[in-house]
PDB file of N, CA and C in Angstrom:
ATOM      1  N   MET A   1      -2.990 -14.930   8.060  1.00  0.00           N
ATOM      2  CA  MET A   1      -3.041 -14.241   6.778  1.00  0.00           C
ATOM      3  C   MET A   1      -1.863 -14.700   5.905  1.00  0.00           C
ATOM      4  N   ALA A   2      -2.154 -14.922   4.649  1.00  0.00           N
ATOM      5  CA  ALA A   2      -1.130 -15.371   3.708  1.00  0.00           C
ATOM      6  C   ALA A   2      -0.222 -14.218   3.289  1.00  0.00           C
ATOM      7  N   ILE A   3       1.043 -14.550   3.070  1.00  0.00           N
ATOM      8  CA  ILE A   3       2.011 -13.575   2.578  1.00  0.00           C
ATOM      9  C   ILE A   3       2.188 -13.803   1.082  1.00  0.00           C
ATOM     10  N   GLU A   4       2.042 -12.740   0.323  1.00  0.00           N
ATOM     11  CA  GLU A   4       2.195 -12.817  -1.127  1.00  0.00           C
ATOM     12  C   GLU A   4       3.528 -12.217  -1.544  1.00  0.00           C
ATOM     13  N   THR A   5       4.212 -12.918  -2.420  1.00  0.00           N
ATOM     14  CA  THR A   5       5.411 -12.384  -3.063  1.00  0.00           C
ATOM     15  C   THR A   5       4.984 -11.984  -4.466  1.00  0.00           C
ATOM     16  N   THR A   6       5.194 -10.718  -4.795  1.00  0.00           N
ATOM     17  CA  THR A   6       4.791 -10.178  -6.094  1.00  0.00           C
ATOM     18  C   THR A   6       6.046  -9.791  -6.860  1.00  0.00           C
ATOM     19  N   ILE A   7       6.156 -10.314  -8.072  1.00  0.00           N
ATOM     20  CA  ILE A   7       7.313 -10.018  -8.921  1.00  0.00           C
ATOM     21  C   ILE A   7       6.841  -9.207 -10.117  1.00  0.00           C
ATOM     22  N   LEU A   8       7.445  -8.042 -10.288  1.00  0.00           N
ATOM     23  CA  LEU A   8       7.123  -7.171 -11.415  1.00  0.00           C
ATOM     24  C   LEU A   8       8.320  -7.116 -12.355  1.00  0.00           C
ATOM     25  N   ASP A   9       8.059  -7.249 -13.640  1.00  0.00           N
ATOM     26  CA  ASP A   9       9.088  -7.164 -14.682  1.00  0.00           C
ATOM     27  C   ASP A   9       8.583  -6.110 -15.661  1.00  0.00           C
ATOM     28  N   PHE A  10       9.366  -5.038 -15.866  1.00  0.00           N
ATOM     29  CA  PHE A  10       8.839  -3.891 -16.607  1.00  0.00           C
ATOM     30  C   PHE A  10       9.949  -3.062 -17.244  1.00  0.00           C
ATOM     31  N   GLN A  11       9.537  -2.166 -18.125  1.00  0.00           N
ATOM     32  CA  GLN A  11      10.446  -1.229 -18.784  1.00  0.00           C
ATOM     33  C   GLN A  11      10.503   0.063 -17.966  1.00  0.00           C
ATOM     34  N   LEU A  12      11.609   0.781 -18.109  1.00  0.00           N
ATOM     35  CA  LEU A  12      11.815   2.058 -17.420  1.00  0.00           C
ATOM     36  C   LEU A  12      11.845   3.209 -18.416  1.00  0.00           C
ATOM     37  N   SER A  13      11.302   4.346 -18.002  1.00  0.00           N
ATOM     38  CA  SER A  13      11.364   5.562 -18.819  1.00  0.00           C
ATOM     39  C   SER A  13      12.566   6.423 -18.424  1.00  0.00           C
ATOM     40  N   ASN A  14      13.228   6.047 -17.332  1.00  0.00           N
ATOM     41  CA  ASN A  14      14.421   6.758 -16.866  1.00  0.00           C
ATOM     42  C   ASN A  14      15.546   5.736 -16.669  1.00  0.00           C
ATOM     43  N   THR A  15      16.594   6.120 -15.977  1.00  0.00           N
ATOM     44  CA  THR A  15      17.680   5.161 -15.733  1.00  0.00           C
ATOM     45  C   THR A  15      17.307   4.268 -14.548  1.00  0.00           C
ATOM     46  N   PHE A  16      17.958   3.128 -14.478  1.00  0.00           N
ATOM     47  CA  PHE A  16      17.735   2.230 -13.356  1.00  0.00           C
ATOM     48  C   PHE A  16      18.110   2.922 -12.047  1.00  0.00           C
ATOM     49  N   GLU A  17      19.194   3.672 -12.065  1.00  0.00           N
ATOM     50  CA  GLU A  17      19.654   4.357 -10.855  1.00  0.00           C
ATOM     51  C   GLU A  17      18.607   5.363 -10.359  1.00  0.00           C
ATOM     52  N   GLN A  18      17.969   6.067 -11.283  1.00  0.00           N
ATOM     53  CA  GLN A  18      16.910   7.012 -10.893  1.00  0.00           C
ATOM     54  C   GLN A  18      15.718   6.257 -10.301  1.00  0.00           C
ATOM     55  N   TYR A  19      15.359   5.151 -10.936  1.00  0.00           N
ATOM     56  CA  TYR A  19      14.245   4.340 -10.451  1.00  0.00           C
ATOM     57  C   TYR A  19      14.546   3.806  -9.043  1.00  0.00           C
ATOM     58  N   GLU A  20      15.732   3.237  -8.885  1.00  0.00           N
ATOM     59  CA  GLU A  20      16.120   2.657  -7.596  1.00  0.00           C
ATOM     60  C   GLU A  20      16.134   3.721  -6.496  1.00  0.00           C
ATOM     61  N   SER A  21      16.625   4.895  -6.821  1.00  0.00           N
ATOM     62  CA  SER A  21      16.663   5.998  -5.869  1.00  0.00           C
ATOM     63  C   SER A  21      15.244   6.390  -5.436  1.00  0.00           C
ATOM     64  N   HIS A  22      14.332   6.450  -6.397  1.00  0.00           N
ATOM     65  CA  HIS A  22      12.931   6.775  -6.094  1.00  0.00           C
ATOM     66  C   HIS A  22      12.331   5.713  -5.163  1.00  0.00           C
ATOM     67  N   MET A  23      12.570   4.451  -5.484  1.00  0.00           N
ATOM     68  CA  MET A  23      11.992   3.360  -4.698  1.00  0.00           C
ATOM     69  C   MET A  23      12.556   3.311  -3.277  1.00  0.00           C
ATOM     70  N   ASN A  24      13.819   3.696  -3.108  1.00  0.00           N
ATOM     71  CA  ASN A  24      14.455   3.655  -1.791  1.00  0.00           C
ATOM     72  C   ASN A  24      14.289   4.947  -0.997  1.00  0.00           C
ATOM     73  N   ALA A  25      13.635   5.946  -1.593  1.00  0.00           N
ATOM     74  CA  ALA A  25      13.422   7.227  -0.908  1.00  0.00           C
ATOM     75  C   ALA A  25      12.570   7.016   0.346  1.00  0.00           C
ATOM     76  N   LYS A  26      12.820   7.849   1.339  1.00  0.00           N
ATOM     77  CA  LYS A  26      12.143   7.714   2.632  1.00  0.00           C
ATOM     78  C   LYS A  26      10.619   7.731   2.492  1.00  0.00           C
ATOM     79  N   GLU A  27      10.079   8.638   1.671  1.00  0.00           N
ATOM     80  CA  GLU A  27       8.622   8.742   1.518  1.00  0.00           C
ATOM     81  C   GLU A  27       8.044   7.444   0.953  1.00  0.00           C
ATOM     82  N   GLN A  28       8.726   6.899  -0.039  1.00  0.00           N
ATOM     83  CA  GLN A  28       8.270   5.667  -0.687  1.00  0.00           C
ATOM     84  C   GLN A  28       8.313   4.500   0.305  1.00  0.00           C
ATOM     85  N   GLN A  29       9.398   4.399   1.042  1.00  0.00           N
ATOM     86  CA  GLN A  29       9.542   3.310   2.014  1.00  0.00           C
ATOM     87  C   GLN A  29       8.514   3.440   3.140  1.00  0.00           C
ATOM     88  N   THR A  30       8.200   4.671   3.531  1.00  0.00           N
ATOM     89  CA  THR A  30       7.176   4.908   4.554  1.00  0.00           C
ATOM     90  C   THR A  30       5.822   4.429   4.056  1.00  0.00           C
ATOM     91  N   MET A  31       5.510   4.742   2.791  1.00  0.00           N
ATOM     92  CA  MET A  31       4.242   4.301   2.201  1.00  0.00           C
ATOM     93  C   MET A  31       4.166   2.769   2.183  1.00  0.00           C
ATOM     94  N   PHE A  32       5.247   2.115   1.755  1.00  0.00           N
ATOM     95  CA  PHE A  32       5.263   0.648   1.730  1.00  0.00           C
ATOM     96  C   PHE A  32       5.068   0.079   3.132  1.00  0.00           C
ATOM     97  N   LYS A  33       5.763   0.675   4.105  1.00  0.00           N
ATOM     98  CA  LYS A  33       5.666   0.195   5.488  1.00  0.00           C
ATOM     99  C   LYS A  33       4.224   0.290   5.993  1.00  0.00           C
ATOM    100  N   GLU A  34       3.548   1.398   5.668  1.00  0.00           N
ATOM    101  CA  GLU A  34       2.154   1.581   6.085  1.00  0.00           C
ATOM    102  C   GLU A  34       1.242   0.524   5.460  1.00  0.00           C
ATOM    103  N   MET A  35       1.603   0.053   4.258  1.00  0.00           N
ATOM    104  CA  MET A  35       0.817  -0.978   3.569  1.00  0.00           C
ATOM    105  C   MET A  35       1.211  -2.380   4.025  1.00  0.00           C
ATOM    106  N   GLY A  36       2.269  -2.481   4.834  1.00  0.00           N
ATOM    107  CA  GLY A  36       2.748  -3.781   5.283  1.00  0.00           C
ATOM    108  C   GLY A  36       3.574  -4.502   4.229  1.00  0.00           C
ATOM    109  N   VAL A  37       4.162  -3.732   3.313  1.00  0.00           N
ATOM    110  CA  VAL A  37       4.896  -4.289   2.169  1.00  0.00           C
ATOM    111  C   VAL A  37       6.394  -4.035   2.334  1.00  0.00           C
ATOM    112  N   LYS A  38       7.194  -5.037   1.963  1.00  0.00           N
ATOM    113  CA  LYS A  38       8.648  -4.876   1.963  1.00  0.00           C
ATOM    114  C   LYS A  38       9.170  -5.039   0.548  1.00  0.00           C
ATOM    115  N   THR A  39      10.122  -4.192   0.172  1.00  0.00           N
ATOM    116  CA  THR A  39      10.810  -4.343  -1.099  1.00  0.00           C
ATOM    117  C   THR A  39      11.936  -5.340  -0.853  1.00  0.00           C
ATOM    118  N   PHE A  40      11.798  -6.509  -1.422  1.00  0.00           N
ATOM    119  CA  PHE A  40      12.739  -7.589  -1.184  1.00  0.00           C
ATOM    120  C   PHE A  40      13.936  -7.506  -2.127  1.00  0.00           C
ATOM    121  N   TYR A  41      13.708  -7.043  -3.357  1.00  0.00           N
ATOM    122  CA  TYR A  41      14.773  -7.023  -4.365  1.00  0.00           C
ATOM    123  C   TYR A  41      14.432  -6.029  -5.459  1.00  0.00           C
ATOM    124  N   ILE A  42      15.421  -5.264  -5.906  1.00  0.00           N
ATOM    125  CA  ILE A  42      15.300  -4.382  -7.073  1.00  0.00           C
ATOM    126  C   ILE A  42      16.516  -4.666  -7.949  1.00  0.00           C
ATOM    127  N   GLY A  43      16.280  -5.050  -9.193  1.00  0.00           N
ATOM    128  CA  GLY A  43      17.401  -5.370 -10.077  1.00  0.00           C
ATOM    129  C   GLY A  43      17.168  -4.910 -11.497  1.00  0.00           C
ATOM    130  N   LYS A  44      18.277  -4.728 -12.231  1.00  0.00           N
ATOM    131  CA  LYS A  44      18.134  -4.349 -13.635  1.00  0.00           C
ATOM    132  C   LYS A  44      18.631  -5.465 -14.529  1.00  0.00           C
ATOM    133  N   SER A  45      18.057  -5.529 -15.698  1.00  0.00           N
ATOM    134  CA  SER A  45      18.396  -6.553 -16.671  1.00  0.00           C
ATOM    135  C   SER A  45      19.829  -6.373 -17.161  1.00  0.00           C
ATOM    136  N   LEU A  46      20.535  -7.468 -17.332  1.00  0.00           N
ATOM    137  CA  LEU A  46      21.882  -7.420 -17.914  1.00  0.00           C
ATOM    138  C   LEU A  46      21.815  -7.146 -19.411  1.00  0.00           C
ATOM    139  N   ASP A  47      20.701  -7.536 -20.045  1.00  0.00           N
ATOM    140  CA  ASP A  47      20.544  -7.386 -21.488  1.00  0.00           C
ATOM    141  C   ASP A  47      19.953  -6.045 -21.908  1.00  0.00           C
ATOM    142  N   ASP A  48      19.166  -5.416 -21.018  1.00  0.00           N
ATOM    143  CA  ASP A  48      18.465  -4.177 -21.362  1.00  0.00           C
ATOM    144  C   ASP A  48      18.504  -3.233 -20.163  1.00  0.00           C
ATOM    145  N   PRO A  49      19.298  -2.161 -20.226  1.00  0.00           N
ATOM    146  CA  PRO A  49      19.430  -1.257 -19.079  1.00  0.00           C
ATOM    147  C   PRO A  49      18.134  -0.500 -18.737  1.00  0.00           C
ATOM    148  N   HIS A  50      17.142  -0.574 -19.622  1.00  0.00           N
ATOM    149  CA  HIS A  50      15.857   0.085 -19.345  1.00  0.00           C
ATOM    150  C   HIS A  50      14.776  -0.919 -18.962  1.00  0.00           C
ATOM    151  N   ARG A  51      15.201  -2.065 -18.435  1.00  0.00           N
ATOM    152  CA  ARG A  51      14.257  -3.071 -17.949  1.00  0.00           C
ATOM    153  C   ARG A  51      14.665  -3.440 -16.531  1.00  0.00           C
ATOM    154  N   ALA A  52      13.662  -3.526 -15.654  1.00  0.00           N
ATOM    155  CA  ALA A  52      13.931  -3.816 -14.245  1.00  0.00           C
ATOM    156  C   ALA A  52      12.956  -4.856 -13.714  1.00  0.00           C
ATOM    157  N   THR A  53      13.308  -5.417 -12.586  1.00  0.00           N
ATOM    158  CA  THR A  53      12.407  -6.302 -11.864  1.00  0.00           C
ATOM    159  C   THR A  53      12.448  -5.921 -10.385  1.00  0.00           C
ATOM    160  N   VAL A  54      11.296  -6.041  -9.756  1.00  0.00           N
ATOM    161  CA  VAL A  54      11.197  -5.766  -8.323  1.00  0.00           C
ATOM    162  C   VAL A  54      10.421  -6.916  -7.693  1.00  0.00           C
ATOM    163  N   ILE A  55      10.886  -7.347  -6.541  1.00  0.00           N
ATOM    164  CA  ILE A  55      10.192  -8.382  -5.797  1.00  0.00           C
ATOM    165  C   ILE A  55       9.734  -7.776  -4.471  1.00  0.00           C
ATOM    166  N   PHE A  56       8.435  -7.837  -4.249  1.00  0.00           N
ATOM    167  CA  PHE A  56       7.825  -7.324  -3.026  1.00  0.00           C
ATOM    168  C   PHE A  56       7.253  -8.481  -2.220  1.00  0.00           C
ATOM    169  N   LYS A  57       7.199  -8.307  -0.905  1.00  0.00           N
ATOM    170  CA  LYS A  57       6.486  -9.240  -0.030  1.00  0.00           C
ATOM    171  C   LYS A  57       5.512  -8.430   0.799  1.00  0.00           C
ATOM    172  N   GLY A  58       4.295  -8.946   0.920  1.00  0.00           N
ATOM    173  CA  GLY A  58       3.292  -8.252   1.711  1.00  0.00           C
ATOM    174  C   GLY A  58       2.006  -9.035   1.792  1.00  0.00           C
ATOM    175  N   PRO A  59       0.984  -8.448   2.400  1.00  0.00           N
ATOM    176  CA  PRO A  59      -0.306  -9.126   2.513  1.00  0.00           C
ATOM    177  C   PRO A  59      -0.878  -9.458   1.131  1.00  0.00           C
ATOM    178  N   GLU A  60      -1.592 -10.563   1.051  1.00  0.00           N
ATOM    179  CA  GLU A  60      -2.175 -11.012  -0.206  1.00  0.00           C
ATOM    180  C   GLU A  60      -3.008  -9.910  -0.861  1.00  0.00           C
ATOM    181  N   ASN A  61      -2.829  -9.718  -2.154  1.00  0.00           N
ATOM    182  CA  ASN A  61      -3.571  -8.792  -3.023  1.00  0.00           C
ATOM    183  C   ASN A  61      -3.213  -7.310  -2.876  1.00  0.00           C
ATOM    184  N   VAL A  62      -2.476  -6.899  -1.869  1.00  0.00           N
ATOM    185  CA  VAL A  62      -2.217  -5.473  -1.654  1.00  0.00           C
ATOM    186  C   VAL A  62      -1.506  -4.848  -2.858  1.00  0.00           C
ATOM    187  N   LEU A  63      -0.366  -5.400  -3.250  1.00  0.00           N
ATOM    188  CA  LEU A  63       0.360  -4.823  -4.387  1.00  0.00           C
ATOM    189  C   LEU A  63      -0.344  -5.068  -5.707  1.00  0.00           C
ATOM    190  N   TYR A  64      -0.901  -6.245  -5.866  1.00  0.00           N
ATOM    191  CA  TYR A  64      -1.615  -6.563  -7.103  1.00  0.00           C
ATOM    192  C   TYR A  64      -2.750  -5.566  -7.339  1.00  0.00           C
ATOM    193  N   ASP A  65      -3.516  -5.276  -6.298  1.00  0.00           N
ATOM    194  CA  ASP A  65      -4.630  -4.341  -6.423  1.00  0.00           C
ATOM    195  C   ASP A  65      -4.149  -2.949  -6.825  1.00  0.00           C
ATOM    196  N   ILE A  66      -2.996  -2.528  -6.330  1.00  0.00           N
ATOM    197  CA  ILE A  66      -2.437  -1.224  -6.713  1.00  0.00           C
ATOM    198  C   ILE A  66      -2.060  -1.222  -8.188  1.00  0.00           C
ATOM    199  N   PHE A  67      -1.400  -2.292  -8.641  1.00  0.00           N
ATOM    200  CA  PHE A  67      -0.900  -2.307 -10.011  1.00  0.00           C
ATOM    201  C   PHE A  67      -1.970  -2.550 -11.062  1.00  0.00           C
ATOM    202  N   ILE A  68      -3.118  -3.112 -10.691  1.00  0.00           N
ATOM    203  CA  ILE A  68      -4.167  -3.293 -11.697  1.00  0.00           C
ATOM    204  C   ILE A  68      -5.176  -2.149 -11.677  1.00  0.00           C
ATOM    205  N   ASN A  69      -5.050  -1.229 -10.738  1.00  0.00           N
ATOM    206  CA  ASN A  69      -5.969  -0.103 -10.634  1.00  0.00           C
ATOM    207  C   ASN A  69      -5.471   1.049 -11.516  1.00  0.00           C
ATOM    208  N   PRO A  70      -6.232   1.400 -12.576  1.00  0.00           N
ATOM    209  CA  PRO A  70      -5.793   2.481 -13.473  1.00  0.00           C
ATOM    210  C   PRO A  70      -5.596   3.833 -12.758  1.00  0.00           C
ATOM    211  N   GLU A  71      -6.260   4.028 -11.638  1.00  0.00           N
ATOM    212  CA  GLU A  71      -6.136   5.295 -10.901  1.00  0.00           C
ATOM    213  C   GLU A  71      -4.754   5.470 -10.274  1.00  0.00           C
ATOM    214  N   THR A  72      -4.020   4.380 -10.088  1.00  0.00           N
ATOM    215  CA  THR A  72      -2.689   4.484  -9.484  1.00  0.00           C
ATOM    216  C   THR A  72      -1.585   4.563 -10.539  1.00  0.00           C
ATOM    217  N   LYS A  73      -1.960   4.555 -11.816  1.00  0.00           N
ATOM    218  CA  LYS A  73      -0.981   4.573 -12.901  1.00  0.00           C
ATOM    219  C   LYS A  73       0.006   5.733 -12.768  1.00  0.00           C
ATOM    220  N   THR A  74      -0.474   6.936 -12.476  1.00  0.00           N
ATOM    221  CA  THR A  74       0.426   8.094 -12.383  1.00  0.00           C
ATOM    222  C   THR A  74       1.398   7.962 -11.216  1.00  0.00           C
ATOM    223  N   ILE A  75       0.943   7.355 -10.117  1.00  0.00           N
ATOM    224  CA  ILE A  75       1.822   7.146  -8.958  1.00  0.00           C
ATOM    225  C   ILE A  75       2.912   6.140  -9.316  1.00  0.00           C
ATOM    226  N   VAL A  76       2.511   5.051  -9.973  1.00  0.00           N
ATOM    227  CA  VAL A  76       3.458   4.016 -10.396  1.00  0.00           C
ATOM    228  C   VAL A  76       4.478   4.613 -11.372  1.00  0.00           C
ATOM    229  N   GLU A  77       3.996   5.387 -12.351  1.00  0.00           N
ATOM    230  CA  GLU A  77       4.880   5.915 -13.388  1.00  0.00           C
ATOM    231  C   GLU A  77       5.772   7.058 -12.908  1.00  0.00           C
ATOM    232  N   ALA A  78       5.457   7.645 -11.752  1.00  0.00           N
ATOM    233  CA  ALA A  78       6.304   8.717 -11.203  1.00  0.00           C
ATOM    234  C   ALA A  78       7.715   8.204 -10.904  1.00  0.00           C
ATOM    235  N   SER A  79       7.841   6.895 -10.696  1.00  0.00           N
ATOM    236  CA  SER A  79       9.136   6.290 -10.387  1.00  0.00           C
ATOM    237  C   SER A  79       9.983   6.046 -11.638  1.00  0.00           C
ATOM    238  N   GLY A  80       9.336   6.109 -12.817  1.00  0.00           N
ATOM    239  CA  GLY A  80      10.010   5.743 -14.059  1.00  0.00           C
ATOM    240  C   GLY A  80       9.540   4.382 -14.564  1.00  0.00           C
ATOM    241  N   HIS A  81       8.708   3.721 -13.792  1.00  0.00           N
ATOM    242  CA  HIS A  81       8.126   2.421 -14.142  1.00  0.00           C
ATOM    243  C   HIS A  81       7.107   2.641 -15.262  1.00  0.00           C
ATOM    244  N   ILE A  82       7.302   1.999 -16.414  1.00  0.00           N
ATOM    245  CA  ILE A  82       6.330   2.090 -17.504  1.00  0.00           C
ATOM    246  C   ILE A  82       5.230   1.059 -17.235  1.00  0.00           C
ATOM    247  N   TYR A  83       4.044   1.588 -16.985  1.00  0.00           N
ATOM    248  CA  TYR A  83       2.883   0.797 -16.568  1.00  0.00           C
ATOM    249  C   TYR A  83       2.504  -0.255 -17.614  1.00  0.00           C
ATOM    250  N   GLU A  84       2.414   0.187 -18.877  1.00  0.00           N
ATOM    251  CA  GLU A  84       2.010  -0.719 -19.950  1.00  0.00           C
ATOM    252  C   GLU A  84       3.051  -1.813 -20.138  1.00  0.00           C
ATOM    253  N   GLY A  85       2.598  -3.044 -20.277  1.00  0.00           N
ATOM    254  CA  GLY A  85       3.510  -4.156 -20.536  1.00  0.00           C
ATOM    255  C   GLY A  85       4.142  -4.769 -19.303  1.00  0.00           C
ATOM    256  N   THR A  86       3.796  -4.286 -18.118  1.00  0.00           N
ATOM    257  CA  THR A  86       4.347  -4.855 -16.885  1.00  0.00           C
ATOM    258  C   THR A  86       3.872  -6.299 -16.735  1.00  0.00           C
ATOM    259  N   LYS A  87       4.824  -7.196 -16.497  1.00  0.00           N
ATOM    260  CA  LYS A  87       4.476  -8.592 -16.225  1.00  0.00           C
ATOM    261  C   LYS A  87       4.435  -8.764 -14.715  1.00  0.00           C
ATOM    262  N   ILE A  88       3.324  -9.293 -14.231  1.00  0.00           N
ATOM    263  CA  ILE A  88       3.140  -9.502 -12.790  1.00  0.00           C
ATOM    264  C   ILE A  88       2.997 -11.004 -12.540  1.00  0.00           C
ATOM    265  N   THR A  89       3.826 -11.533 -11.650  1.00  0.00           N
ATOM    266  CA  THR A  89       3.623 -12.894 -11.190  1.00  0.00           C
ATOM    267  C   THR A  89       3.484 -12.851  -9.682  1.00  0.00           C
ATOM    268  N   ARG A  90       2.628 -13.725  -9.167  1.00  0.00           N
ATOM    269  CA  ARG A  90       2.298 -13.708  -7.736  1.00  0.00           C
ATOM    270  C   ARG A  90       2.475 -15.103  -7.159  1.00  0.00           C
ATOM    271  N   TRP A  91       3.039 -15.124  -5.941  1.00  0.00           N
ATOM    272  CA  TRP A  91       3.320 -16.373  -5.243  1.00  0.00           C
ATOM    273  C   TRP A  91       2.807 -16.244  -3.821  1.00  0.00           C
ATOM    274  N   ILE A  92       2.312 -17.315  -3.275  1.00  0.00           N
ATOM    275  CA  ILE A  92       1.732 -17.262  -1.934  1.00  0.00           C
ATOM    276  C   ILE A  92       2.428 -18.251  -1.001  1.00  0.00           C
ATOM    277  N   SER A  93       2.562 -17.865   0.267  1.00  0.00           N
ATOM    278  CA  SER A  93       3.126 -18.787   1.260  1.00  0.00           C
ATOM    279  C   SER A  93       2.397 -18.631   2.571  1.00  0.00           C
TER     280      SER A  93
END
C-alpha cells in the first residue's frame, strides 16, 4: 500500500497555539492513530499568525477524502481550521 503525504495550508479562526493544542490532544491523536495517520509537522506562518500548515502521513486518500467531504467540515473547523480556501497538496511514496 502506498503512503501519502498530505500538506494542508490554511487560515485559522483562532490562535495557532489553540489550534496546535487541539491537534495534539489525546482524543485527536487517538482518532488519527485509528485511521493510520501521523501528524508529521504543524507550523505557523512567519508572515501571518492566522495561517498554518500541517503535514500528515498515512494511507493513500484517507486524509484527502476527509477534507473534501462537506460532512466533515464541522469536525475540521472545530480545531480552528478554516475549511474554505484550504490548499491541499498530495505526495505519494
